Amino acid sequence: NPVVYNKQVFKDAGLDAENFPKTWDEFIKACKAIKGKGIVPLSVGGKEGFGGAWLASYIGIQNYDSTADMMAPAVGKAKYTDEKYAAWWKKLGELRDNQYINKDYNSIEFYQAQDNFKKGNAGMTLTVGSGAVDVVKTRGTDKVGIATFHTWGAGKYAGPLQLS
């Protein structure tokens, strides 16, 4: 699933609007720069639960090598507190603690967060392919970038998901 981003917000924050961050450090640097311009870096809605699931799919799986890794804590073969499974919560906490995610995250739905982005109230948001098409139609091809989420983990599922 892609991330959509506002190219003008990136430019105004001194970022390269044609090259979305490829690593966690680059992503955090971009978030800091965007926040410095008074704009919410990443608009996400979690009221109905989708936002958390999406963040887990973008960030949470990056230390996994297989679907068995994903299931291991649920079947008692690992603990959710093991570093492999807990590291992504630290990443999410970094976004929260630095206010790189909208403060009303738990009060708005996933698609309301996307609407906030379409209105120009955020630098980035998470979406699906059809959502990216809608954003491009709403904002314009010259104003919206579409990218895969950056890499931070060391597992086979780090970075853009490759199906084999």
N, C-alpha and C. Protein backbone atom coordinates (compact mmCIF):
# COMPACT_ATOMS: atom_id res chain seq x y z
N ASN A 1 0.84 -1.19 0.00
CA ASN A 1 0.00 0.00 0.00
C ASN A 1 0.88 1.25 0.00
N PRO A 2 0.50 2.21 -0.77
CA PRO A 2 1.34 3.41 -0.88
C PRO A 2 1.15 4.43 0.23
N VAL A 3 2.11 5.29 0.31
CA VAL A 3 2.03 6.51 1.10
C VAL A 3 1.86 7.62 0.07
N VAL A 4 0.96 8.54 0.32
CA VAL A 4 0.86 9.71 -0.55
C VAL A 4 1.39 10.90 0.22
N TYR A 5 2.05 11.79 -0.50
CA TYR A 5 2.63 12.95 0.17
C TYR A 5 2.44 14.19 -0.68
N ASN A 6 2.38 15.32 0.00
CA ASN A 6 2.17 16.62 -0.63
C ASN A 6 3.53 17.19 -1.04
N LYS A 7 3.75 17.26 -2.33
CA LYS A 7 5.05 17.72 -2.84
C LYS A 7 5.36 19.15 -2.41
N GLN A 8 4.35 20.01 -2.36
CA GLN A 8 4.60 21.40 -1.98
C GLN A 8 5.00 21.49 -0.51
N VAL A 9 4.36 20.70 0.33
CA VAL A 9 4.74 20.67 1.75
C VAL A 9 6.19 20.23 1.88
N PHE A 10 6.57 19.21 1.12
CA PHE A 10 7.97 18.74 1.15
C PHE A 10 8.92 19.86 0.70
N LYS A 11 8.58 20.53 -0.40
CA LYS A 11 9.43 21.62 -0.89
C LYS A 11 9.55 22.74 0.13
N ASP A 12 8.40 23.14 0.71
CA ASP A 12 8.39 24.21 1.70
C ASP A 12 9.22 23.87 2.93
N ALA A 13 9.33 22.57 3.22
CA ALA A 13 10.10 22.12 4.38
C ALA A 13 11.57 21.88 4.02
N GLY A 14 11.96 22.21 2.78
CA GLY A 14 13.34 22.05 2.35
C GLY A 14 13.70 20.62 1.99
N LEU A 15 12.70 19.81 1.67
CA LEU A 15 12.93 18.39 1.34
C LEU A 15 12.84 18.18 -0.16
N ASP A 16 13.40 17.10 -0.63
CA ASP A 16 13.36 16.74 -2.04
C ASP A 16 12.00 16.11 -2.34
N ALA A 17 11.13 16.85 -3.01
CA ALA A 17 9.77 16.40 -3.27
C ALA A 17 9.68 15.25 -4.26
N GLU A 18 10.76 14.96 -4.93
CA GLU A 18 10.75 13.87 -5.91
C GLU A 18 11.32 12.57 -5.35
N ASN A 19 11.85 12.63 -4.14
CA ASN A 19 12.45 11.44 -3.53
C ASN A 19 11.96 11.26 -2.10
N PHE A 20 10.98 10.40 -1.95
CA PHE A 20 10.41 10.11 -0.63
C PHE A 20 11.47 9.41 0.23
N PRO A 21 11.47 9.65 1.54
CA PRO A 21 12.46 9.02 2.43
C PRO A 21 12.52 7.50 2.25
N LYS A 22 13.73 6.98 2.25
CA LYS A 22 13.95 5.54 2.05
C LYS A 22 14.27 4.81 3.35
N THR A 23 14.67 5.55 4.39
CA THR A 23 15.03 4.94 5.67
C THR A 23 14.24 5.62 6.80
N TRP A 24 14.25 4.97 7.96
CA TRP A 24 13.57 5.56 9.12
C TRP A 24 14.18 6.91 9.48
N ASP A 25 15.49 7.01 9.49
CA ASP A 25 16.14 8.28 9.84
C ASP A 25 15.74 9.39 8.87
N GLU A 26 15.69 9.08 7.59
CA GLU A 26 15.26 10.07 6.59
C GLU A 26 13.80 10.46 6.81
N PHE A 27 12.97 9.47 7.15
CA PHE A 27 11.55 9.72 7.40
C PHE A 27 11.38 10.64 8.61
N ILE A 28 12.10 10.37 9.70
CA ILE A 28 12.01 11.20 10.90
C ILE A 28 12.51 12.62 10.60
N LYS A 29 13.57 12.72 9.83
CA LYS A 29 14.09 14.05 9.44
C LYS A 29 13.02 14.81 8.65
N ALA A 30 12.34 14.12 7.75
CA ALA A 30 11.27 14.76 6.96
C ALA A 30 10.12 15.18 7.88
N CYS A 31 9.72 14.31 8.79
CA CYS A 31 8.66 14.64 9.74
C CYS A 31 9.01 15.89 10.55
N LYS A 32 10.25 15.94 11.03
CA LYS A 32 10.70 17.09 11.82
C LYS A 32 10.64 18.37 11.00
N ALA A 33 11.09 18.30 9.76
CA ALA A 33 11.08 19.48 8.89
C ALA A 33 9.66 19.94 8.59
N ILE A 34 8.77 18.99 8.33
CA ILE A 34 7.38 19.32 8.03
C ILE A 34 6.70 19.92 9.27
N LYS A 35 6.91 19.31 10.42
CA LYS A 35 6.34 19.84 11.66
C LYS A 35 6.86 21.24 11.93
N GLY A 36 8.13 21.48 11.59
CA GLY A 36 8.73 22.80 11.77
C GLY A 36 8.04 23.88 10.95
N LYS A 37 7.31 23.48 9.93
CA LYS A 37 6.55 24.43 9.11
C LYS A 37 5.11 24.55 9.60
N GLY A 38 4.81 23.91 10.75
CA GLY A 38 3.48 24.03 11.33
C GLY A 38 2.44 23.11 10.72
N ILE A 39 2.88 22.06 10.06
CA ILE A 39 1.97 21.12 9.40
C ILE A 39 2.13 19.74 10.04
N VAL A 40 1.02 19.03 10.17
CA VAL A 40 1.06 17.66 10.68
C VAL A 40 1.81 16.80 9.66
N PRO A 41 2.88 16.14 10.06
CA PRO A 41 3.62 15.33 9.09
C PRO A 41 2.82 14.15 8.53
N LEU A 42 2.19 13.36 9.40
CA LEU A 42 1.51 12.14 8.95
C LEU A 42 0.11 12.11 9.53
N SER A 43 -0.90 12.15 8.65
CA SER A 43 -2.29 12.10 9.08
C SER A 43 -2.76 10.66 9.06
N VAL A 44 -3.17 10.16 10.24
CA VAL A 44 -3.65 8.79 10.39
C VAL A 44 -4.87 8.81 11.29
N GLY A 45 -5.86 7.99 10.96
CA GLY A 45 -7.06 7.86 11.78
C GLY A 45 -7.16 6.48 12.38
N GLY A 46 -7.42 6.40 13.67
CA GLY A 46 -7.48 5.11 14.33
C GLY A 46 -8.78 4.82 15.06
N LYS A 47 -9.77 5.68 14.91
CA LYS A 47 -11.02 5.53 15.68
C LYS A 47 -11.65 4.16 15.49
N GLU A 48 -11.72 3.67 14.27
CA GLU A 48 -12.35 2.39 14.00
C GLU A 48 -11.37 1.23 13.99
N GLY A 49 -10.09 1.52 14.27
CA GLY A 49 -9.08 0.47 14.37
C GLY A 49 -8.21 0.29 13.15
N PHE A 50 -8.60 0.86 12.02
CA PHE A 50 -7.82 0.67 10.80
C PHE A 50 -6.43 1.28 10.88
N GLY A 51 -6.33 2.46 11.47
CA GLY A 51 -5.03 3.14 11.53
C GLY A 51 -3.95 2.31 12.19
N GLY A 52 -4.29 1.69 13.32
CA GLY A 52 -3.32 0.85 14.02
C GLY A 52 -2.93 -0.36 13.19
N ALA A 53 -3.91 -0.97 12.55
CA ALA A 53 -3.61 -2.13 11.70
C ALA A 53 -2.73 -1.74 10.52
N TRP A 54 -2.99 -0.57 9.97
CA TRP A 54 -2.17 -0.13 8.84
C TRP A 54 -0.76 0.19 9.29
N LEU A 55 -0.63 0.86 10.42
CA LEU A 55 0.72 1.14 10.92
C LEU A 55 1.46 -0.15 11.21
N ALA A 56 0.75 -1.15 11.73
CA ALA A 56 1.38 -2.45 11.97
C ALA A 56 1.85 -3.07 10.66
N SER A 57 1.06 -2.90 9.59
CA SER A 57 1.46 -3.50 8.32
C SER A 57 2.58 -2.72 7.64
N TYR A 58 2.67 -1.43 7.86
CA TYR A 58 3.75 -0.63 7.29
C TYR A 58 5.03 -0.74 8.10
N ILE A 59 4.88 -0.65 9.42
CA ILE A 59 6.04 -0.58 10.31
C ILE A 59 6.30 -1.91 11.03
N GLY A 60 5.23 -2.52 11.52
CA GLY A 60 5.34 -3.65 12.43
C GLY A 60 5.95 -4.91 11.86
N ILE A 61 5.78 -5.15 10.57
CA ILE A 61 6.25 -6.42 10.00
C ILE A 61 7.70 -6.40 9.56
N GLN A 62 8.36 -5.29 9.70
CA GLN A 62 9.68 -5.15 9.08
C GLN A 62 10.80 -5.99 9.72
N ASN A 63 10.56 -6.58 10.87
CA ASN A 63 11.56 -7.47 11.45
C ASN A 63 11.21 -8.94 11.20
N TYR A 64 10.17 -9.20 10.44
CA TYR A 64 9.72 -10.56 10.20
C TYR A 64 10.32 -11.11 8.91
N ASP A 65 10.54 -12.43 8.93
CA ASP A 65 11.05 -13.13 7.75
C ASP A 65 10.00 -14.04 7.11
N SER A 66 8.89 -14.26 7.81
CA SER A 66 7.89 -15.21 7.30
C SER A 66 6.55 -14.97 7.98
N THR A 67 5.53 -15.60 7.45
CA THR A 67 4.23 -15.53 8.12
C THR A 67 4.28 -16.26 9.46
N ALA A 68 5.14 -17.25 9.58
CA ALA A 68 5.31 -17.94 10.86
C ALA A 68 5.81 -16.97 11.93
N ASP A 69 6.68 -16.03 11.54
CA ASP A 69 7.13 -14.99 12.48
C ASP A 69 5.94 -14.17 12.97
N MET A 70 5.03 -13.84 12.06
CA MET A 70 3.87 -13.04 12.43
C MET A 70 3.00 -13.75 13.45
N MET A 71 2.89 -15.06 13.31
CA MET A 71 2.00 -15.84 14.17
C MET A 71 2.65 -16.31 15.47
N ALA A 72 3.96 -16.31 15.55
CA ALA A 72 4.67 -16.90 16.68
C ALA A 72 4.18 -16.43 18.05
N PRO A 73 4.02 -15.12 18.29
CA PRO A 73 3.54 -14.72 19.61
C PRO A 73 2.11 -15.21 19.91
N ALA A 74 1.28 -15.22 18.89
CA ALA A 74 -0.12 -15.63 19.09
C ALA A 74 -0.25 -17.11 19.46
N VAL A 75 0.70 -17.93 19.01
CA VAL A 75 0.64 -19.37 19.30
C VAL A 75 1.62 -19.79 20.39
N GLY A 76 2.19 -18.82 21.10
CA GLY A 76 3.04 -19.11 22.24
C GLY A 76 4.48 -19.47 21.93
N LYS A 77 4.93 -19.23 20.71
CA LYS A 77 6.31 -19.55 20.34
C LYS A 77 7.25 -18.35 20.49
N ALA A 78 6.68 -17.23 20.84
CA ALA A 78 7.46 -16.00 21.08
C ALA A 78 6.57 -15.10 21.94
N LYS A 79 7.14 -14.00 22.40
CA LYS A 79 6.38 -13.05 23.20
C LYS A 79 6.30 -11.72 22.45
N TYR A 80 5.17 -11.07 22.56
CA TYR A 80 5.03 -9.76 21.92
C TYR A 80 6.03 -8.76 22.48
N THR A 81 6.57 -9.03 23.66
CA THR A 81 7.55 -8.14 24.27
C THR A 81 8.97 -8.43 23.80
N ASP A 82 9.18 -9.53 23.05
CA ASP A 82 10.51 -9.80 22.48
C ASP A 82 10.86 -8.66 21.52
N GLU A 83 12.12 -8.30 21.46
CA GLU A 83 12.55 -7.16 20.65
C GLU A 83 12.06 -7.24 19.21
N LYS A 84 12.08 -8.41 18.63
CA LYS A 84 11.64 -8.59 17.25
C LYS A 84 10.21 -8.09 17.05
N TYR A 85 9.38 -8.27 18.06
CA TYR A 85 7.97 -7.91 17.97
C TYR A 85 7.65 -6.55 18.59
N ALA A 86 8.49 -6.09 19.49
CA ALA A 86 8.22 -4.85 20.21
C ALA A 86 8.91 -3.64 19.59
N ALA A 87 9.92 -3.85 18.76
CA ALA A 87 10.70 -2.72 18.23
C ALA A 87 9.84 -1.71 17.48
N TRP A 88 8.85 -2.19 16.76
CA TRP A 88 8.04 -1.25 15.99
C TRP A 88 7.21 -0.33 16.88
N TRP A 89 6.86 -0.80 18.09
CA TRP A 89 6.15 0.06 19.02
C TRP A 89 7.00 1.26 19.42
N LYS A 90 8.31 1.05 19.49
CA LYS A 90 9.22 2.16 19.78
C LYS A 90 9.20 3.17 18.64
N LYS A 91 9.13 2.67 17.42
CA LYS A 91 9.05 3.57 16.25
C LYS A 91 7.74 4.36 16.30
N LEU A 92 6.66 3.67 16.58
CA LEU A 92 5.37 4.33 16.68
C LEU A 92 5.38 5.36 17.81
N GLY A 93 6.00 4.99 18.93
CA GLY A 93 6.12 5.92 20.05
C GLY A 93 6.92 7.16 19.68
N GLU A 94 7.94 6.98 18.86
CA GLU A 94 8.73 8.13 18.40
C GLU A 94 7.86 9.09 17.59
N LEU A 95 7.01 8.55 16.75
CA LEU A 95 6.10 9.40 15.97
C LEU A 95 5.13 10.13 16.89
N ARG A 96 4.58 9.39 17.86
CA ARG A 96 3.63 9.99 18.80
C ARG A 96 4.30 11.03 19.69
N ASP A 97 5.42 10.67 20.30
CA ASP A 97 6.08 11.55 21.26
C ASP A 97 6.56 12.85 20.63
N ASN A 98 6.91 12.81 19.36
CA ASN A 98 7.37 14.01 18.66
C ASN A 98 6.25 14.74 17.93
N GLN A 99 5.03 14.25 18.12
CA GLN A 99 3.84 14.82 17.49
C GLN A 99 3.97 14.87 15.97
N TYR A 100 4.47 13.77 15.41
CA TYR A 100 4.56 13.63 13.96
C TYR A 100 3.31 12.98 13.37
N ILE A 101 2.41 12.52 14.26
CA ILE A 101 1.09 12.02 13.88
C ILE A 101 0.06 12.98 14.47
N ASN A 102 -1.02 13.19 13.75
CA ASN A 102 -2.06 14.10 14.22
C ASN A 102 -2.54 13.74 15.62
N LYS A 103 -2.78 14.77 16.43
CA LYS A 103 -3.19 14.58 17.83
C LYS A 103 -4.56 13.93 17.95
N ASP A 104 -5.41 14.09 16.95
CA ASP A 104 -6.76 13.53 17.02
C ASP A 104 -6.83 12.12 16.42
N TYR A 105 -5.72 11.45 16.35
CA TYR A 105 -5.62 10.11 15.77
C TYR A 105 -6.73 9.18 16.24
N ASN A 106 -6.97 9.11 17.53
CA ASN A 106 -7.98 8.20 18.07
C ASN A 106 -9.40 8.70 17.93
N SER A 107 -9.58 9.92 17.49
CA SER A 107 -10.91 10.52 17.38
C SER A 107 -11.43 10.57 15.95
N ILE A 108 -10.58 10.29 14.98
CA ILE A 108 -11.03 10.32 13.59
C ILE A 108 -10.81 8.96 12.94
N GLU A 109 -11.60 8.70 11.91
CA GLU A 109 -11.50 7.44 11.20
C GLU A 109 -10.39 7.52 10.15
N PHE A 110 -10.00 6.35 9.69
CA PHE A 110 -8.91 6.24 8.73
C PHE A 110 -9.12 7.14 7.51
N TYR A 111 -10.32 7.12 6.96
CA TYR A 111 -10.58 7.90 5.75
C TYR A 111 -10.73 9.39 6.04
N GLN A 112 -11.08 9.75 7.27
CA GLN A 112 -11.08 11.16 7.65
C GLN A 112 -9.65 11.71 7.64
N ALA A 113 -8.71 10.88 8.05
CA ALA A 113 -7.29 11.28 8.01
C ALA A 113 -6.86 11.52 6.57
N GLN A 114 -7.31 10.68 5.66
CA GLN A 114 -6.99 10.89 4.25
C GLN A 114 -7.65 12.17 3.73
N ASP A 115 -8.87 12.45 4.17
CA ASP A 115 -9.54 13.69 3.79
C ASP A 115 -8.76 14.91 4.28
N ASN A 116 -8.22 14.82 5.51
CA ASN A 116 -7.40 15.92 6.03
C ASN A 116 -6.20 16.17 5.13
N PHE A 117 -5.59 15.09 4.66
CA PHE A 117 -4.48 15.24 3.73
C PHE A 117 -4.93 15.89 2.44
N LYS A 118 -6.04 15.43 1.89
CA LYS A 118 -6.54 15.98 0.62
C LYS A 118 -6.84 17.47 0.74
N LYS A 119 -7.21 17.90 1.93
CA LYS A 119 -7.49 19.32 2.17
C LYS A 119 -6.22 20.13 2.37
N GLY A 120 -5.07 19.47 2.38
CA GLY A 120 -3.80 20.18 2.56
C GLY A 120 -3.37 20.34 3.99
N ASN A 121 -3.98 19.59 4.91
CA ASN A 121 -3.69 19.73 6.34
C ASN A 121 -2.63 18.78 6.87
N ALA A 122 -1.95 18.07 5.98
CA ALA A 122 -0.91 17.13 6.42
C ALA A 122 0.09 16.93 5.29
N GLY A 123 1.28 16.52 5.67
CA GLY A 123 2.32 16.27 4.67
C GLY A 123 2.19 14.92 4.00
N MET A 124 1.66 13.91 4.74
CA MET A 124 1.57 12.54 4.22
C MET A 124 0.36 11.85 4.82
N THR A 125 -0.06 10.79 4.17
CA THR A 125 -1.06 9.88 4.74
C THR A 125 -0.89 8.50 4.13
N LEU A 126 -1.50 7.52 4.76
CA LEU A 126 -1.46 6.14 4.29
C LEU A 126 -2.71 5.88 3.48
N THR A 127 -2.63 5.01 2.48
CA THR A 127 -3.79 4.75 1.64
C THR A 127 -3.65 3.42 0.92
N VAL A 128 -4.62 3.11 0.10
CA VAL A 128 -4.57 1.97 -0.80
C VAL A 128 -4.40 2.50 -2.21
N GLY A 129 -4.20 1.62 -3.17
CA GLY A 129 -4.01 2.06 -4.55
C GLY A 129 -5.13 2.94 -5.06
N SER A 130 -6.37 2.54 -4.81
CA SER A 130 -7.50 3.35 -5.28
C SER A 130 -7.57 4.68 -4.54
N GLY A 131 -7.16 4.69 -3.28
CA GLY A 131 -7.12 5.94 -2.52
C GLY A 131 -6.08 6.89 -3.08
N ALA A 132 -4.95 6.34 -3.52
CA ALA A 132 -3.91 7.17 -4.13
C ALA A 132 -4.43 7.81 -5.42
N VAL A 133 -5.17 7.03 -6.20
CA VAL A 133 -5.76 7.57 -7.44
C VAL A 133 -6.72 8.71 -7.11
N ASP A 134 -7.54 8.53 -6.07
CA ASP A 134 -8.48 9.57 -5.66
C ASP A 134 -7.75 10.84 -5.22
N VAL A 135 -6.67 10.67 -4.46
CA VAL A 135 -5.90 11.83 -4.00
C VAL A 135 -5.30 12.57 -5.19
N VAL A 136 -4.74 11.84 -6.13
CA VAL A 136 -4.16 12.47 -7.32
C VAL A 136 -5.24 13.23 -8.10
N LYS A 137 -6.42 12.63 -8.23
CA LYS A 137 -7.52 13.31 -8.94
C LYS A 137 -7.95 14.57 -8.20
N THR A 138 -7.95 14.52 -6.87
CA THR A 138 -8.36 15.66 -6.06
C THR A 138 -7.32 16.77 -6.03
N ARG A 139 -6.06 16.41 -5.84
CA ARG A 139 -5.00 17.40 -5.64
C ARG A 139 -4.22 17.72 -6.92
N GLY A 140 -4.12 16.75 -7.83
CA GLY A 140 -3.36 16.97 -9.06
C GLY A 140 -2.05 16.20 -9.07
N THR A 141 -1.67 15.71 -10.25
CA THR A 141 -0.46 14.90 -10.38
C THR A 141 0.81 15.67 -10.04
N ASP A 142 0.79 16.96 -10.24
CA ASP A 142 1.98 17.75 -9.94
C ASP A 142 2.13 18.06 -8.45
N LYS A 143 1.08 17.80 -7.67
CA LYS A 143 1.10 18.15 -6.25
C LYS A 143 1.24 16.96 -5.32
N VAL A 144 1.03 15.75 -5.85
CA VAL A 144 1.01 14.57 -5.00
C VAL A 144 2.09 13.58 -5.42
N GLY A 145 2.84 13.11 -4.46
CA GLY A 145 3.79 12.04 -4.69
C GLY A 145 3.23 10.74 -4.13
N ILE A 146 3.55 9.65 -4.78
CA ILE A 146 3.12 8.33 -4.32
C ILE A 146 4.38 7.51 -4.12
N ALA A 147 4.50 6.90 -2.95
CA ALA A 147 5.73 6.16 -2.62
C ALA A 147 5.41 4.94 -1.77
N THR A 148 6.38 4.07 -1.66
CA THR A 148 6.28 2.97 -0.71
C THR A 148 6.85 3.46 0.61
N PHE A 149 6.40 2.84 1.70
CA PHE A 149 6.88 3.23 3.02
C PHE A 149 8.36 2.87 3.14
N HIS A 150 9.07 3.63 3.89
CA HIS A 150 10.52 3.47 4.05
C HIS A 150 10.88 2.21 4.83
N THR A 151 12.14 1.87 4.79
CA THR A 151 12.66 0.69 5.47
C THR A 151 13.28 1.08 6.81
N TRP A 152 13.02 0.28 7.84
CA TRP A 152 13.71 0.47 9.12
C TRP A 152 14.17 -0.88 9.69
N GLY A 153 13.45 -1.94 9.41
CA GLY A 153 13.75 -3.24 10.01
C GLY A 153 14.78 -4.03 9.24
N ALA A 154 15.10 -5.21 9.78
CA ALA A 154 16.13 -6.06 9.18
C ALA A 154 15.58 -7.38 8.65
N GLY A 155 14.27 -7.58 8.75
CA GLY A 155 13.68 -8.83 8.27
C GLY A 155 13.44 -8.82 6.77
N LYS A 156 13.03 -9.96 6.25
CA LYS A 156 12.72 -10.06 4.82
C LYS A 156 11.54 -9.18 4.43
N TYR A 157 10.69 -8.84 5.40
CA TYR A 157 9.53 -8.00 5.11
C TYR A 157 9.83 -6.51 5.31
N ALA A 158 11.08 -6.16 5.47
CA ALA A 158 11.46 -4.75 5.61
C ALA A 158 11.33 -4.07 4.24
N GLY A 159 10.85 -2.85 4.26
CA GLY A 159 10.70 -2.11 3.02
C GLY A 159 9.49 -2.57 2.24
N PRO A 160 9.43 -2.24 0.97
CA PRO A 160 8.28 -2.65 0.15
C PRO A 160 8.13 -4.17 0.13
N LEU A 161 6.93 -4.63 0.37
CA LEU A 161 6.66 -6.06 0.41
C LEU A 161 6.86 -6.68 -0.96
N GLN A 162 7.66 -7.70 -1.00
CA GLN A 162 7.93 -8.44 -2.24
C GLN A 162 7.28 -9.81 -2.13
N LEU A 163 6.34 -10.08 -2.98
CA LEU A 163 5.70 -11.38 -2.97
C LEU A 163 6.44 -12.31 -3.91
N SER A 164 6.66 -13.55 -3.46
CA SER A 164 7.35 -14.49 -4.32
C SER A 164 6.57 -15.77 -4.45
